[in-house]
Structures are given as structure tokens and as C-alpha cells.
């Protein structure tokens, strides 16, 4: 899918942009939901800083795995949609 001139094609640029945008929205949404949860506001406050750090690293690892999958799924979806729109319009 690399263009003959050696650069990225328009479809790949739109796909990368769309995938990055969806992954970023996912991270913002998950952090907001965690911040507003009852667990974070009532129980998480009393944990030691070491335990908070370990829990947050676990939260980030799980969310990075999901965001990685979302990035590639939506990169392909946005690439296919942009390819269709570029060819037909």
C-alpha cells in the first residue's frame, strides 16, 4: 500500500489519523470514567502510593492493549472508507 513515489498514500494517512483519533478518544473516555467512578473517589484514595502506582500501571497496560487493537481496526476501517471516497469522488 506504499505509493510508487516512496511516501504514504492518502488512504494510509487518513487511516493512521483516524486510528490515532479513536485510540486517543478511548484513552480520554477511560480515564474520565475511572476518575468519576465511586471506587476511585472512595477506596482508591486510601491506598499507599506504591499500590496506587501498581494499579495504575495495570490499568495502563490493559488500556494500551485495547487501544492498540482499536487503532489497527479503525485504521483499516478509515483506510477503506477513504479509499472508496477518493476513488469515487
C-alpha atoms as a PDB file:
ATOM      1  CA  UNK A   1       0.000   0.000   0.000  1.00  0.00           C
ATOM      2  CA  UNK A   2       3.055   2.258  -0.226  1.00  0.00           C
ATOM      3  CA  UNK A   3       2.754   4.689  -3.137  1.00  0.00           C
ATOM      4  CA  UNK A   4       5.219   4.465  -6.021  1.00  0.00           C
ATOM      5  CA  UNK A   5       6.821   7.791  -5.078  1.00  0.00           C
ATOM      6  CA  UNK A   6       8.027   6.241  -1.807  1.00  0.00           C
ATOM      7  CA  UNK A   7       5.699   8.084   0.551  1.00  0.00           C
ATOM      8  CA  UNK A   8       2.486   7.120   2.246  1.00  0.00           C
ATOM      9  CA  UNK A   9      -0.668   7.067   0.177  1.00  0.00           C
ATOM     10  CA  UNK A  10      -3.632   9.254   1.102  1.00  0.00           C
ATOM     11  CA  UNK A  11      -5.545   6.213   2.318  1.00  0.00           C
ATOM     12  CA  UNK A  12      -2.788   5.318   4.772  1.00  0.00           C
ATOM     13  CA  UNK A  13      -2.524   8.874   6.086  1.00  0.00           C
ATOM     14  CA  UNK A  14      -6.285   9.082   6.638  1.00  0.00           C
ATOM     15  CA  UNK A  15      -6.272   5.610   8.199  1.00  0.00           C
ATOM     16  CA  UNK A  16      -3.425   6.447  10.584  1.00  0.00           C
ATOM     17  CA  UNK A  17      -5.110   9.716  11.550  1.00  0.00           C
ATOM     18  CA  UNK A  18      -8.469   8.033  12.127  1.00  0.00           C
ATOM     19  CA  UNK A  19      -6.947   5.191  14.126  1.00  0.00           C
ATOM     20  CA  UNK A  20      -4.930   7.584  16.281  1.00  0.00           C
ATOM     21  CA  UNK A  21      -8.008   9.761  16.881  1.00  0.00           C
ATOM     22  CA  UNK A  22     -10.128   6.779  18.003  1.00  0.00           C
ATOM     23  CA  UNK A  23      -7.353   5.460  20.291  1.00  0.00           C
ATOM     24  CA  UNK A  24      -6.952   8.929  21.839  1.00  0.00           C
ATOM     25  CA  UNK A  25     -10.709   9.222  22.399  1.00  0.00           C
ATOM     26  CA  UNK A  26     -10.674   5.788  24.043  1.00  0.00           C
ATOM     27  CA  UNK A  27      -7.923   6.853  26.478  1.00  0.00           C
ATOM     28  CA  UNK A  28      -9.688  10.105  27.361  1.00  0.00           C
ATOM     29  CA  UNK A  29     -13.001   8.290  27.891  1.00  0.00           C
ATOM     30  CA  UNK A  30     -11.475   5.524  30.056  1.00  0.00           C
ATOM     31  CA  UNK A  31      -9.537   7.961  32.250  1.00  0.00           C
ATOM     32  CA  UNK A  32     -12.629  10.134  32.690  1.00  0.00           C
ATOM     33  CA  UNK A  33     -14.755   7.097  33.622  1.00  0.00           C
ATOM     34  CA  UNK A  34     -12.119   5.942  36.112  1.00  0.00           C
ATOM     35  CA  UNK A  35     -11.846   9.415  37.656  1.00  0.00           C
ATOM     36  CA  UNK A  36     -15.631   9.652  38.095  1.00  0.00           C
ATOM     37  CA  UNK A  37     -16.062   6.122  39.489  1.00  0.00           C
ATOM     38  CA  UNK A  38     -17.053   5.514  43.100  1.00  0.00           C
ATOM     39  CA  UNK A  39     -14.099   3.169  43.574  1.00  0.00           C
ATOM     40  CA  UNK A  40     -11.603   5.896  42.654  1.00  0.00           C
ATOM     41  CA  UNK A  41     -13.223   8.535  44.848  1.00  0.00           C
ATOM     42  CA  UNK A  42     -13.907   6.379  47.933  1.00  0.00           C
ATOM     43  CA  UNK A  43     -11.463   3.451  48.185  1.00  0.00           C
ATOM     44  CA  UNK A  44      -8.513   4.292  45.914  1.00  0.00           C
ATOM     45  CA  UNK A  45      -7.738   7.402  47.982  1.00  0.00           C
ATOM     46  CA  UNK A  46      -6.676   5.323  50.997  1.00  0.00           C
ATOM     47  CA  UNK A  47      -4.173   3.102  49.144  1.00  0.00           C
ATOM     48  CA  UNK A  48      -0.447   3.594  49.576  1.00  0.00           C
ATOM     49  CA  UNK A  49       1.372   5.380  46.773  1.00  0.00           C
ATOM     50  CA  UNK A  50       3.146   2.150  45.748  1.00  0.00           C
ATOM     51  CA  UNK A  51      -0.111   0.274  45.419  1.00  0.00           C
ATOM     52  CA  UNK A  52      -1.676   3.178  43.501  1.00  0.00           C
ATOM     53  CA  UNK A  53       1.269   3.112  41.100  1.00  0.00           C
ATOM     54  CA  UNK A  54       0.956  -0.644  40.507  1.00  0.00           C
ATOM     55  CA  UNK A  55      -2.807  -0.418  39.960  1.00  0.00           C
ATOM     56  CA  UNK A  56      -2.397   2.493  37.561  1.00  0.00           C
ATOM     57  CA  UNK A  57       0.305   0.632  35.599  1.00  0.00           C
ATOM     58  CA  UNK A  58      -2.057  -2.331  35.305  1.00  0.00           C
ATOM     59  CA  UNK A  59      -4.820  -0.016  34.148  1.00  0.00           C
ATOM     60  CA  UNK A  60      -2.493   1.492  31.519  1.00  0.00           C
ATOM     61  CA  UNK A  61      -1.285  -1.888  30.265  1.00  0.00           C
ATOM     62  CA  UNK A  62      -4.820  -3.170  29.749  1.00  0.00           C
ATOM     63  CA  UNK A  63      -5.917   0.071  28.098  1.00  0.00           C
ATOM     64  CA  UNK A  64      -2.844   0.145  25.848  1.00  0.00           C
ATOM     65  CA  UNK A  65      -3.652  -3.356  24.618  1.00  0.00           C
ATOM     66  CA  UNK A  66      -7.239  -2.374  23.859  1.00  0.00           C
ATOM     67  CA  UNK A  67      -6.182   0.937  22.294  1.00  0.00           C
ATOM     68  CA  UNK A  68      -3.615  -0.896  20.137  1.00  0.00           C
ATOM     69  CA  UNK A  69      -6.341  -3.180  18.795  1.00  0.00           C
ATOM     70  CA  UNK A  70      -8.735  -0.249  18.299  1.00  0.00           C
ATOM     71  CA  UNK A  71      -6.028   1.688  16.480  1.00  0.00           C
ATOM     72  CA  UNK A  72      -5.487  -1.018  13.887  1.00  0.00           C
ATOM     73  CA  UNK A  73      -9.169  -1.847  13.469  1.00  0.00           C
ATOM     74  CA  UNK A  74     -10.130   1.781  12.909  1.00  0.00           C
ATOM     75  CA  UNK A  75      -7.013   2.405  10.804  1.00  0.00           C
ATOM     76  CA  UNK A  76      -8.246  -0.262   8.413  1.00  0.00           C
ATOM     77  CA  UNK A  77     -11.837   0.999   8.527  1.00  0.00           C
ATOM     78  CA  UNK A  78     -10.821   4.620   7.890  1.00  0.00           C
ATOM     79  CA  UNK A  79      -8.417   3.497   5.157  1.00  0.00           C
ATOM     80  CA  UNK A  80     -11.132   1.544   3.348  1.00  0.00           C
ATOM     81  CA  UNK A  81     -13.637   4.395   3.642  1.00  0.00           C
ATOM     82  CA  UNK A  82     -11.136   6.999   2.447  1.00  0.00           C
ATOM     83  CA  UNK A  83     -10.031   4.731  -0.410  1.00  0.00           C
ATOM     84  CA  UNK A  84     -13.647   4.384  -1.531  1.00  0.00           C
ATOM     85  CA  UNK A  85     -14.281   8.133  -1.260  1.00  0.00           C
ATOM     86  CA  UNK A  86     -11.042   9.084  -3.042  1.00  0.00           C
ATOM     87  CA  UNK A  87     -11.772   6.742  -5.978  1.00  0.00           C
ATOM     88  CA  UNK A  88     -15.436   7.652  -6.380  1.00  0.00           C
ATOM     89  CA  UNK A  89     -15.423  11.395  -5.818  1.00  0.00           C
END
